Each structure stands twice: as C-alpha cells, then as structure tokens.
Amino acid sequence: MKARKWGRIICTASAHSLVASPFKGAYVTAKHGLAGLTKTVALELATFGVTANCISPGYVWTPLVERQIPDTMKARNMTREQVINEVLLEAQPTKQFVTIEQVAALALYLCSDAAASITGANLPIDGGWTAQ
C-alpha cells in the first residue's frame, strides 16, 4: 500500500470499542485496543495515501446472534421476544438490529475516493447505542 501510495484499512470492532458493559472486560479491552491500533496506523500511514478506519457496529443480525437466543432464553427464563428486546437490543435506541448490508455499505464508502480524507475514525453504526 505504501509503495502504491494508496490503500484502505478497515477494522471491524464493536460498539464496545466506544463504551463498556459490565462483565465483558476482555471483550471491551480488545475492542478498545483495536480502536487505538486503528488510530496509530492511520497516523503512521497518513502521508502515503493509506487510510485506516474502524467500523463499530452494535448488534448485527447474523446467524451467530440468532444461535445465541435459545441459550439466553433458557439462562434468563425469557421468551424469544424478551431476549431480543430486553437483552440484545436493550442498548440500541432504535430497537432494530444493524444489518450486514448496512455495515458493508459503510465499508464500501470508506474504500471509495470520497472517503480519502477520513482516517483514524471510529465510526459507530449502532442504532444510537453510543449516543447515550
């Protein structure tokens, strides 16, 4: 990338790169670290036409998230709807899951020439979670 004088680095973190939650110390630490690494890389590569940014989604509707629901239902004695609304989407004011397509669209934008001056940013796509 340095030799070509162009490149795009996109790290995928989490809303937990911007805010903490109880009982998630290792996860929050890792995500904060990824955000810091992104900023460092952005500074190191700024004069080479290479950008480095971080996308920090809230809960994204994926097969992994869907598979977690039954265990959470059992562990907390909740219905599927309660797990979705009171656990997974509790911190997201929109009460909507982020979609894979929305995250992909943001990544594509960051790869475009229109985003050439965006570097070192940590962009939340979290339904307002980190606005609180």
Protein backbone atom coordinates (compact mmCIF):
# COMPACT_ATOMS: atom_id res chain seq x y z
CA MET A 1 0.00 0.00 0.00
CA LYS A 2 2.80 2.40 0.87
CA ALA A 3 4.58 1.67 -2.41
CA ARG A 4 1.37 2.21 -4.37
CA LYS A 5 0.57 5.39 -2.41
CA TRP A 6 -2.99 4.15 -1.92
CA GLY A 7 -4.80 1.80 0.39
CA ARG A 8 -7.71 1.32 2.70
CA ILE A 9 -7.56 -0.48 6.03
CA ILE A 10 -10.87 -1.13 7.75
CA CYS A 11 -11.02 -2.72 11.17
CA THR A 12 -14.28 -4.11 12.44
CA ALA A 13 -14.66 -3.55 16.17
CA SER A 14 -17.92 -3.12 18.06
CA ALA A 15 -19.90 -0.53 19.94
CA HIS A 16 -17.80 -1.86 22.82
CA SER A 17 -14.80 -0.07 21.32
CA LEU A 18 -16.55 3.15 22.38
CA VAL A 19 -18.46 2.16 25.53
CA ALA A 20 -18.15 -0.50 28.19
CA SER A 21 -20.61 -3.04 29.54
CA PRO A 22 -20.41 -4.98 32.79
CA PHE A 23 -18.93 -8.48 32.76
CA LYS A 24 -17.28 -8.02 29.36
CA GLY A 25 -13.83 -6.88 30.45
CA ALA A 26 -11.78 -8.93 27.98
CA TYR A 27 -14.06 -8.14 25.05
CA VAL A 28 -14.21 -4.40 25.80
CA THR A 29 -10.43 -4.31 26.28
CA ALA A 30 -9.85 -5.99 22.92
CA LYS A 31 -12.23 -3.65 21.11
CA HIS A 32 -10.75 -0.52 22.71
CA GLY A 33 -7.32 -1.82 21.70
CA LEU A 34 -8.43 -2.27 18.11
CA ALA A 35 -9.71 1.31 18.05
CA GLY A 36 -6.35 2.55 19.36
CA LEU A 37 -4.42 0.46 16.85
CA THR A 38 -6.54 1.91 14.05
CA LYS A 39 -5.65 5.46 15.11
CA THR A 40 -1.96 4.59 15.35
CA VAL A 41 -1.90 3.01 11.90
CA ALA A 42 -3.79 5.99 10.47
CA LEU A 43 -1.12 8.36 11.77
CA GLU A 44 1.73 6.18 10.54
CA LEU A 45 0.31 5.89 7.01
CA ALA A 46 -1.25 9.33 6.57
CA THR A 47 1.43 10.62 4.19
CA PHE A 48 1.22 7.52 2.00
CA GLY A 49 -2.38 7.88 0.79
CA VAL A 50 -3.45 4.98 3.01
CA THR A 51 -6.41 5.39 5.33
CA ALA A 52 -7.22 3.32 8.39
CA ASN A 53 -10.63 3.41 9.99
CA CYS A 54 -12.70 1.37 12.38
CA ILE A 55 -16.33 0.37 11.98
CA SER A 56 -18.06 -0.23 15.32
CA PRO A 57 -21.44 -1.88 14.93
CA GLY A 58 -23.96 -2.59 17.62
CA TYR A 59 -25.85 -5.87 17.43
CA VAL A 60 -25.88 -7.10 13.84
CA TRP A 61 -28.43 -9.71 12.89
CA THR A 62 -26.25 -12.70 11.99
CA PRO A 63 -26.59 -16.47 12.34
CA LEU A 64 -24.25 -16.26 15.36
CA VAL A 65 -26.56 -13.81 17.17
CA GLU A 66 -29.60 -15.87 16.22
CA ARG A 67 -27.99 -19.04 17.63
CA GLN A 68 -27.36 -17.30 20.98
CA ILE A 69 -31.04 -16.61 21.58
CA PRO A 70 -32.17 -20.09 22.79
CA ASP A 71 -29.37 -20.32 25.37
CA THR A 72 -30.15 -16.82 26.64
CA MET A 73 -33.86 -17.69 26.80
CA LYS A 74 -33.07 -20.69 28.97
CA ALA A 75 -30.48 -18.97 31.16
CA ARG A 76 -32.71 -15.97 31.88
CA ASN A 77 -36.10 -17.68 31.71
CA MET A 78 -37.24 -15.30 28.97
CA THR A 79 -39.19 -15.55 25.75
CA ARG A 80 -37.51 -15.04 22.38
CA GLU A 81 -39.05 -11.57 22.12
CA GLN A 82 -37.83 -10.63 25.60
CA VAL A 83 -34.27 -11.72 24.78
CA ILE A 84 -34.31 -9.69 21.57
CA ASN A 85 -35.84 -6.55 23.10
CA GLU A 86 -34.59 -6.60 26.69
CA VAL A 87 -31.14 -8.12 26.21
CA LEU A 88 -29.82 -7.81 22.67
CA LEU A 89 -31.44 -4.53 21.64
CA GLU A 90 -31.70 -3.01 25.12
CA ALA A 91 -28.83 -0.56 24.49
CA GLN A 92 -29.83 0.32 20.91
CA PRO A 93 -32.41 3.15 20.99
CA THR A 94 -33.73 2.27 17.53
CA LYS A 95 -34.60 -1.22 18.78
CA GLN A 96 -33.50 -2.51 15.39
CA PHE A 97 -30.63 -4.81 14.53
CA VAL A 98 -27.93 -3.41 12.31
CA THR A 99 -27.92 -5.30 9.02
CA ILE A 100 -24.95 -6.88 7.31
CA GLU A 101 -25.78 -4.76 4.27
CA GLN A 102 -25.53 -1.54 6.29
CA VAL A 103 -22.10 -2.47 7.59
CA ALA A 104 -20.98 -3.46 4.09
CA ALA A 105 -22.21 -0.15 2.66
CA LEU A 106 -20.19 1.79 5.21
CA ALA A 107 -17.11 -0.28 4.42
CA LEU A 108 -17.56 0.33 0.70
CA TYR A 109 -17.86 4.05 1.30
CA LEU A 110 -14.65 4.06 3.35
CA CYS A 111 -12.92 2.31 0.44
CA SER A 112 -14.05 4.97 -2.02
CA ASP A 113 -12.17 8.06 -3.11
CA ALA A 114 -14.90 10.14 -1.46
CA ALA A 115 -13.55 8.94 1.90
CA ALA A 116 -9.90 9.78 1.16
CA SER A 117 -9.79 12.32 3.99
CA ILE A 118 -11.39 10.07 6.57
CA THR A 119 -8.66 8.34 8.53
CA GLY A 120 -8.25 7.40 12.16
CA ALA A 121 -12.01 7.45 12.65
CA ASN A 122 -14.05 5.02 14.68
CA LEU A 123 -17.48 5.06 13.09
CA PRO A 124 -20.38 3.68 15.10
CA ILE A 125 -23.22 2.01 13.26
CA ASP A 126 -25.19 1.01 16.30
CA GLY A 127 -28.74 2.36 16.28
CA GLY A 128 -27.75 5.14 18.66
CA TRP A 129 -26.16 2.91 21.32
CA THR A 130 -23.06 5.06 21.75
CA ALA A 131 -25.03 8.32 21.60
CA GLN A 132 -26.18 7.72 25.18
